[in-house]
Amino acid sequence: MATATHATMHHDHRQWVSDNDMWRCDIANWQQELKKAEIDFKQVEEAFKAHERALQTHAAAICLRQQELATHEHALAEYQRGNLGAGLVPLGQSHDQEAGKHAQQSEAHERIKRHHHDLMCKMGHLRESANKPL
């Protein structure tokens, strides 16, 4: 192995000091970014809580629609058995409106599903990245 000259050693030392300065600057920037990310993470946590509330609201709306559908089905069954079914005429008149409600709920469900899958996918990537060894 060749012995380094005096000038080469000084040059290497200056380069290494420069590298160390750059690395310390990098670390300072990363620490600032990490502090901002911690604030962002709290906002993401609040967004997840809002998403959970939206899921609960959507589930309740589905349950309500299921009850409304059961009422409609019951009235139809009564009509088919020969009973006039007092609720059949109003339900028949509002069938188009009910179909519209169903379409809206279907669209909402698809929108929520896409949003949920997007969140979970990104959360999975974040978790994988965060768990990688340094």
N, C-alpha and C. Protein backbone atom coordinates (compact mmCIF):
# COMPACT_ATOMS: atom_id res chain seq x y z
N MET A 1 0.85 -1.17 0.00
CA MET A 1 0.00 0.00 0.00
C MET A 1 0.90 1.23 0.00
N ALA A 2 0.57 2.17 -0.82
CA ALA A 2 1.38 3.39 -0.94
C ALA A 2 1.11 4.32 0.22
N THR A 3 2.12 4.99 0.68
CA THR A 3 2.00 5.95 1.77
C THR A 3 1.53 7.27 1.18
N ALA A 4 0.51 7.88 1.81
CA ALA A 4 -0.03 9.14 1.33
C ALA A 4 0.95 10.28 1.61
N THR A 5 0.96 11.23 0.70
CA THR A 5 1.83 12.39 0.90
C THR A 5 1.17 13.35 1.86
N HIS A 6 1.98 14.27 2.35
CA HIS A 6 1.51 15.31 3.26
C HIS A 6 0.35 16.09 2.65
N ALA A 7 0.48 16.47 1.41
CA ALA A 7 -0.56 17.26 0.71
C ALA A 7 -1.82 16.43 0.52
N THR A 8 -1.65 15.16 0.20
CA THR A 8 -2.81 14.29 0.01
C THR A 8 -3.57 14.12 1.31
N MET A 9 -2.84 13.95 2.41
CA MET A 9 -3.51 13.80 3.71
C MET A 9 -4.28 15.06 4.08
N HIS A 10 -3.67 16.24 3.86
CA HIS A 10 -4.38 17.50 4.14
C HIS A 10 -5.64 17.62 3.27
N HIS A 11 -5.51 17.26 2.02
CA HIS A 11 -6.66 17.31 1.11
C HIS A 11 -7.77 16.37 1.60
N ASP A 12 -7.40 15.15 1.97
CA ASP A 12 -8.38 14.19 2.47
C ASP A 12 -9.06 14.73 3.73
N HIS A 13 -8.27 15.29 4.64
CA HIS A 13 -8.84 15.82 5.89
C HIS A 13 -9.83 16.95 5.60
N ARG A 14 -9.47 17.85 4.69
CA ARG A 14 -10.40 18.94 4.33
C ARG A 14 -11.69 18.37 3.74
N GLN A 15 -11.55 17.36 2.89
CA GLN A 15 -12.73 16.74 2.28
C GLN A 15 -13.59 16.08 3.35
N TRP A 16 -12.95 15.41 4.30
CA TRP A 16 -13.70 14.73 5.35
C TRP A 16 -14.40 15.72 6.27
N VAL A 17 -13.74 16.82 6.57
CA VAL A 17 -14.37 17.88 7.38
C VAL A 17 -15.57 18.44 6.61
N SER A 18 -15.38 18.64 5.32
CA SER A 18 -16.50 19.14 4.49
C SER A 18 -17.65 18.13 4.49
N ASP A 19 -17.33 16.86 4.35
CA ASP A 19 -18.37 15.82 4.39
C ASP A 19 -19.09 15.84 5.73
N ASN A 20 -18.33 15.93 6.82
CA ASN A 20 -18.95 15.97 8.15
C ASN A 20 -19.87 17.18 8.29
N ASP A 21 -19.44 18.34 7.79
CA ASP A 21 -20.29 19.54 7.85
C ASP A 21 -21.58 19.32 7.06
N MET A 22 -21.44 18.73 5.89
CA MET A 22 -22.62 18.46 5.06
C MET A 22 -23.54 17.47 5.77
N TRP A 23 -23.00 16.45 6.37
CA TRP A 23 -23.80 15.45 7.06
C TRP A 23 -24.54 16.05 8.26
N ARG A 24 -23.85 16.92 8.99
CA ARG A 24 -24.52 17.57 10.13
C ARG A 24 -25.67 18.46 9.63
N CYS A 25 -25.45 19.12 8.51
CA CYS A 25 -26.52 19.93 7.91
C CYS A 25 -27.69 19.03 7.48
N ASP A 26 -27.36 17.90 6.86
CA ASP A 26 -28.41 16.93 6.48
C ASP A 26 -29.21 16.52 7.71
N ILE A 27 -28.51 16.16 8.77
CA ILE A 27 -29.18 15.69 9.99
C ILE A 27 -30.06 16.78 10.57
N ALA A 28 -29.59 18.02 10.59
CA ALA A 28 -30.40 19.13 11.10
C ALA A 28 -31.67 19.28 10.26
N ASN A 29 -31.54 19.17 8.95
CA ASN A 29 -32.72 19.25 8.07
C ASN A 29 -33.67 18.09 8.33
N TRP A 30 -33.12 16.90 8.48
CA TRP A 30 -33.96 15.73 8.73
C TRP A 30 -34.69 15.84 10.06
N GLN A 31 -34.01 16.40 11.06
CA GLN A 31 -34.66 16.57 12.36
C GLN A 31 -35.82 17.56 12.26
N GLN A 32 -35.64 18.62 11.48
CA GLN A 32 -36.74 19.57 11.26
C GLN A 32 -37.88 18.89 10.51
N GLU A 33 -37.55 18.13 9.50
CA GLU A 33 -38.58 17.40 8.75
C GLU A 33 -39.31 16.41 9.64
N LEU A 34 -38.58 15.75 10.51
CA LEU A 34 -39.19 14.79 11.42
C LEU A 34 -40.15 15.47 12.38
N LYS A 35 -39.78 16.64 12.89
CA LYS A 35 -40.68 17.39 13.78
C LYS A 35 -41.96 17.77 13.04
N LYS A 36 -41.81 18.21 11.79
CA LYS A 36 -43.00 18.53 10.99
C LYS A 36 -43.82 17.27 10.73
N ALA A 37 -43.15 16.15 10.46
CA ALA A 37 -43.85 14.89 10.21
C ALA A 37 -44.63 14.45 11.45
N GLU A 38 -44.07 14.71 12.63
CA GLU A 38 -44.78 14.36 13.87
C GLU A 38 -46.07 15.17 13.98
N ILE A 39 -46.03 16.43 13.60
CA ILE A 39 -47.25 17.25 13.59
C ILE A 39 -48.21 16.73 12.53
N ASP A 40 -47.66 16.43 11.35
CA ASP A 40 -48.50 15.87 10.28
C ASP A 40 -49.13 14.55 10.72
N PHE A 41 -48.36 13.74 11.44
CA PHE A 41 -48.87 12.45 11.89
C PHE A 41 -50.06 12.64 12.82
N LYS A 42 -50.01 13.66 13.68
CA LYS A 42 -51.15 13.95 14.56
C LYS A 42 -52.38 14.33 13.73
N GLN A 43 -52.15 15.08 12.64
CA GLN A 43 -53.25 15.42 11.75
C GLN A 43 -53.79 14.18 11.04
N VAL A 44 -52.89 13.29 10.65
CA VAL A 44 -53.32 12.03 10.03
C VAL A 44 -54.12 11.21 11.02
N GLU A 45 -53.68 11.18 12.28
CA GLU A 45 -54.41 10.45 13.31
C GLU A 45 -55.82 11.01 13.46
N GLU A 46 -55.96 12.32 13.43
CA GLU A 46 -57.30 12.94 13.50
C GLU A 46 -58.12 12.58 12.26
N ALA A 47 -57.46 12.53 11.11
CA ALA A 47 -58.17 12.15 9.88
C ALA A 47 -58.64 10.70 9.97
N PHE A 48 -57.84 9.82 10.57
CA PHE A 48 -58.25 8.43 10.76
C PHE A 48 -59.46 8.34 11.68
N LYS A 49 -59.47 9.16 12.72
CA LYS A 49 -60.63 9.17 13.63
C LYS A 49 -61.88 9.64 12.88
N ALA A 50 -61.71 10.66 12.03
CA ALA A 50 -62.84 11.14 11.23
C ALA A 50 -63.29 10.05 10.25
N HIS A 51 -62.33 9.32 9.69
CA HIS A 51 -62.67 8.21 8.79
C HIS A 51 -63.46 7.15 9.53
N GLU A 52 -63.06 6.84 10.75
CA GLU A 52 -63.80 5.85 11.57
C GLU A 52 -65.23 6.33 11.82
N ARG A 53 -65.38 7.61 12.13
CA ARG A 53 -66.74 8.15 12.34
C ARG A 53 -67.56 8.05 11.06
N ALA A 54 -66.93 8.32 9.93
CA ALA A 54 -67.63 8.23 8.64
C ALA A 54 -68.05 6.78 8.37
N LEU A 55 -67.19 5.83 8.71
CA LEU A 55 -67.54 4.41 8.54
C LEU A 55 -68.74 4.04 9.42
N GLN A 56 -68.75 4.54 10.64
CA GLN A 56 -69.87 4.27 11.55
C GLN A 56 -71.16 4.88 11.01
N THR A 57 -71.07 6.10 10.50
CA THR A 57 -72.25 6.77 9.93
C THR A 57 -72.75 6.00 8.71
N HIS A 58 -71.82 5.58 7.88
CA HIS A 58 -72.20 4.82 6.68
C HIS A 58 -72.85 3.49 7.07
N ALA A 59 -72.28 2.82 8.06
CA ALA A 59 -72.86 1.54 8.53
C ALA A 59 -74.27 1.76 9.06
N ALA A 60 -74.48 2.85 9.80
CA ALA A 60 -75.81 3.15 10.32
C ALA A 60 -76.79 3.43 9.18
N ALA A 61 -76.32 4.14 8.16
CA ALA A 61 -77.19 4.43 7.01
C ALA A 61 -77.57 3.14 6.28
N ILE A 62 -76.63 2.22 6.17
CA ILE A 62 -76.91 0.93 5.53
C ILE A 62 -77.95 0.17 6.35
N CYS A 63 -77.80 0.19 7.65
CA CYS A 63 -78.75 -0.50 8.54
C CYS A 63 -80.15 0.10 8.38
N LEU A 64 -80.23 1.42 8.34
CA LEU A 64 -81.51 2.10 8.16
C LEU A 64 -82.14 1.73 6.81
N ARG A 65 -81.33 1.74 5.76
CA ARG A 65 -81.85 1.37 4.43
C ARG A 65 -82.34 -0.08 4.44
N GLN A 66 -81.63 -0.93 5.15
CA GLN A 66 -82.05 -2.34 5.23
C GLN A 66 -83.40 -2.45 5.92
N GLN A 67 -83.62 -1.66 6.96
CA GLN A 67 -84.91 -1.66 7.65
C GLN A 67 -86.01 -1.13 6.73
N GLU A 68 -85.69 -0.07 5.98
CA GLU A 68 -86.68 0.48 5.05
C GLU A 68 -87.03 -0.55 3.97
N LEU A 69 -86.02 -1.26 3.49
CA LEU A 69 -86.25 -2.29 2.49
C LEU A 69 -87.10 -3.42 3.06
N ALA A 70 -86.84 -3.82 4.30
CA ALA A 70 -87.63 -4.87 4.94
C ALA A 70 -89.08 -4.44 5.07
N THR A 71 -89.31 -3.17 5.40
CA THR A 71 -90.68 -2.65 5.49
C THR A 71 -91.37 -2.73 4.13
N HIS A 72 -90.65 -2.34 3.10
CA HIS A 72 -91.20 -2.39 1.74
C HIS A 72 -91.50 -3.84 1.35
N GLU A 73 -90.56 -4.73 1.62
CA GLU A 73 -90.76 -6.15 1.29
C GLU A 73 -91.96 -6.73 2.05
N HIS A 74 -92.10 -6.34 3.31
CA HIS A 74 -93.23 -6.82 4.11
C HIS A 74 -94.55 -6.37 3.48
N ALA A 75 -94.60 -5.11 3.05
CA ALA A 75 -95.82 -4.60 2.43
C ALA A 75 -96.10 -5.33 1.12
N LEU A 76 -95.05 -5.63 0.35
CA LEU A 76 -95.24 -6.38 -0.90
C LEU A 76 -95.75 -7.79 -0.61
N ALA A 77 -95.22 -8.43 0.41
CA ALA A 77 -95.67 -9.78 0.77
C ALA A 77 -97.13 -9.76 1.20
N GLU A 78 -97.51 -8.75 1.95
CA GLU A 78 -98.91 -8.61 2.38
C GLU A 78 -99.81 -8.46 1.17
N TYR A 79 -99.39 -7.67 0.22
CA TYR A 79 -100.17 -7.45 -1.00
C TYR A 79 -100.31 -8.76 -1.77
N GLN A 80 -99.21 -9.52 -1.89
CA GLN A 80 -99.25 -10.78 -2.63
C GLN A 80 -100.13 -11.82 -1.95
N ARG A 81 -100.26 -11.75 -0.65
CA ARG A 81 -101.12 -12.69 0.07
C ARG A 81 -102.59 -12.27 -0.02
N GLY A 82 -102.85 -11.19 -0.70
CA GLY A 82 -104.22 -10.76 -0.87
C GLY A 82 -104.62 -9.61 0.03
N ASN A 83 -103.79 -9.27 0.97
CA ASN A 83 -104.07 -8.10 1.80
C ASN A 83 -103.67 -6.87 1.00
N LEU A 84 -104.43 -5.85 1.15
CA LEU A 84 -104.13 -4.65 0.37
C LEU A 84 -102.84 -3.99 0.84
N GLY A 85 -102.46 -4.18 2.06
CA GLY A 85 -101.21 -3.59 2.53
C GLY A 85 -101.27 -2.08 2.46
N ALA A 86 -101.64 -1.48 3.56
CA ALA A 86 -101.83 -0.03 3.59
C ALA A 86 -100.59 0.73 3.15
N GLY A 87 -99.41 0.15 3.37
CA GLY A 87 -98.19 0.87 3.03
C GLY A 87 -97.73 0.64 1.61
N LEU A 88 -98.38 -0.23 0.84
CA LEU A 88 -97.91 -0.57 -0.50
C LEU A 88 -98.03 0.60 -1.46
N VAL A 89 -99.17 1.26 -1.47
CA VAL A 89 -99.37 2.34 -2.44
C VAL A 89 -98.35 3.46 -2.24
N PRO A 90 -98.16 3.96 -1.01
CA PRO A 90 -97.13 5.00 -0.84
C PRO A 90 -95.72 4.49 -1.18
N LEU A 91 -95.43 3.23 -0.83
CA LEU A 91 -94.11 2.70 -1.15
C LEU A 91 -93.94 2.53 -2.65
N GLY A 92 -95.00 2.12 -3.33
CA GLY A 92 -94.95 1.98 -4.79
C GLY A 92 -94.73 3.32 -5.47
N GLN A 93 -95.39 4.34 -4.94
CA GLN A 93 -95.24 5.68 -5.51
C GLN A 93 -93.84 6.23 -5.30
N SER A 94 -93.21 5.82 -4.21
CA SER A 94 -91.88 6.35 -3.92
C SER A 94 -90.75 5.40 -4.35
N HIS A 95 -91.11 4.38 -5.13
CA HIS A 95 -90.10 3.39 -5.52
C HIS A 95 -88.92 4.04 -6.27
N ASP A 96 -89.22 4.95 -7.19
CA ASP A 96 -88.15 5.64 -7.93
C ASP A 96 -87.26 6.43 -6.97
N GLN A 97 -87.88 7.04 -6.00
CA GLN A 97 -87.12 7.80 -5.00
C GLN A 97 -86.22 6.84 -4.19
N GLU A 98 -86.77 5.68 -3.84
CA GLU A 98 -86.00 4.69 -3.11
C GLU A 98 -84.84 4.17 -3.97
N ALA A 99 -85.10 3.99 -5.26
CA ALA A 99 -84.03 3.55 -6.16
C ALA A 99 -82.92 4.61 -6.22
N GLY A 100 -83.31 5.87 -6.21
CA GLY A 100 -82.33 6.95 -6.18
C GLY A 100 -81.50 6.94 -4.90
N LYS A 101 -82.18 6.69 -3.77
CA LYS A 101 -81.46 6.60 -2.49
C LYS A 101 -80.45 5.45 -2.52
N HIS A 102 -80.89 4.33 -3.10
CA HIS A 102 -80.00 3.18 -3.19
C HIS A 102 -78.78 3.51 -4.06
N ALA A 103 -79.02 4.17 -5.18
CA ALA A 103 -77.91 4.54 -6.08
C ALA A 103 -76.94 5.49 -5.36
N GLN A 104 -77.49 6.45 -4.61
CA GLN A 104 -76.63 7.37 -3.86
C GLN A 104 -75.81 6.62 -2.82
N GLN A 105 -76.44 5.68 -2.14
CA GLN A 105 -75.73 4.91 -1.13
C GLN A 105 -74.66 4.03 -1.77
N SER A 106 -74.96 3.50 -2.93
CA SER A 106 -73.99 2.68 -3.65
C SER A 106 -72.77 3.52 -4.04
N GLU A 107 -73.03 4.72 -4.55
CA GLU A 107 -71.94 5.63 -4.93
C GLU A 107 -71.12 6.02 -3.70
N ALA A 108 -71.79 6.32 -2.60
CA ALA A 108 -71.09 6.66 -1.36
C ALA A 108 -70.23 5.50 -0.90
N HIS A 109 -70.77 4.30 -0.99
CA HIS A 109 -70.03 3.11 -0.55
C HIS A 109 -68.76 2.93 -1.38
N GLU A 110 -68.89 3.08 -2.70
CA GLU A 110 -67.73 2.94 -3.58
C GLU A 110 -66.69 4.02 -3.29
N ARG A 111 -67.14 5.25 -3.07
CA ARG A 111 -66.23 6.36 -2.74
C ARG A 111 -65.49 6.08 -1.42
N ILE A 112 -66.24 5.63 -0.41
CA ILE A 112 -65.64 5.31 0.88
C ILE A 112 -64.67 4.14 0.74
N LYS A 113 -65.04 3.14 -0.05
CA LYS A 113 -64.17 1.97 -0.25
C LYS A 113 -62.85 2.39 -0.90
N ARG A 114 -62.92 3.22 -1.96
CA ARG A 114 -61.70 3.67 -2.62
C ARG A 114 -60.82 4.47 -1.66
N HIS A 115 -61.45 5.36 -0.90
CA HIS A 115 -60.71 6.17 0.07
C HIS A 115 -60.07 5.28 1.13
N HIS A 116 -60.82 4.33 1.63
CA HIS A 116 -60.31 3.42 2.66
C HIS A 116 -59.13 2.60 2.13
N HIS A 117 -59.29 2.02 0.95
CA HIS A 117 -58.22 1.21 0.37
C HIS A 117 -56.97 2.06 0.12
N ASP A 118 -57.16 3.29 -0.34
CA ASP A 118 -56.04 4.21 -0.56
C ASP A 118 -55.31 4.48 0.76
N LEU A 119 -56.08 4.77 1.81
CA LEU A 119 -55.47 5.02 3.13
C LEU A 119 -54.70 3.81 3.63
N MET A 120 -55.31 2.64 3.54
CA MET A 120 -54.67 1.44 4.07
C MET A 120 -53.41 1.08 3.27
N CYS A 121 -53.46 1.29 1.97
CA CYS A 121 -52.30 1.02 1.12
C CYS A 121 -51.15 1.95 1.51
N LYS A 122 -51.45 3.23 1.62
CA LYS A 122 -50.41 4.21 1.98
C LYS A 122 -49.91 3.97 3.40
N MET A 123 -50.80 3.58 4.29
CA MET A 123 -50.38 3.27 5.66
C MET A 123 -49.46 2.06 5.67
N GLY A 124 -49.77 1.08 4.85
CA GLY A 124 -48.91 -0.09 4.76
C GLY A 124 -47.52 0.26 4.26
N HIS A 125 -47.45 1.11 3.23
CA HIS A 125 -46.15 1.55 2.72
C HIS A 125 -45.38 2.33 3.78
N LEU A 126 -46.08 3.21 4.48
CA LEU A 126 -45.44 3.99 5.54
C LEU A 126 -44.91 3.08 6.64
N ARG A 127 -45.74 2.12 7.04
CA ARG A 127 -45.32 1.18 8.09
C ARG A 127 -44.10 0.39 7.65
N GLU A 128 -44.11 -0.10 6.39
CA GLU A 128 -42.96 -0.85 5.88
C GLU A 128 -41.70 0.01 5.87
N SER A 129 -41.83 1.25 5.39
CA SER A 129 -40.67 2.14 5.34
C SER A 129 -40.18 2.47 6.75
N ALA A 130 -41.09 2.74 7.66
CA ALA A 130 -40.71 3.10 9.01
C ALA A 130 -40.03 1.95 9.74
N ASN A 131 -40.39 0.72 9.40
CA ASN A 131 -39.85 -0.45 10.09
C ASN A 131 -38.55 -0.99 9.48
N LYS A 132 -38.12 -0.39 8.36
CA LYS A 132 -36.87 -0.85 7.76
C LYS A 132 -35.71 -0.42 8.67
N PRO A 133 -34.75 -1.31 8.83
CA PRO A 133 -33.60 -0.93 9.64
C PRO A 133 -32.79 0.17 8.96
N LEU A 134 -32.20 1.01 9.77
CA LEU A 134 -31.37 2.10 9.21
C LEU A 134 -30.01 1.60 8.80
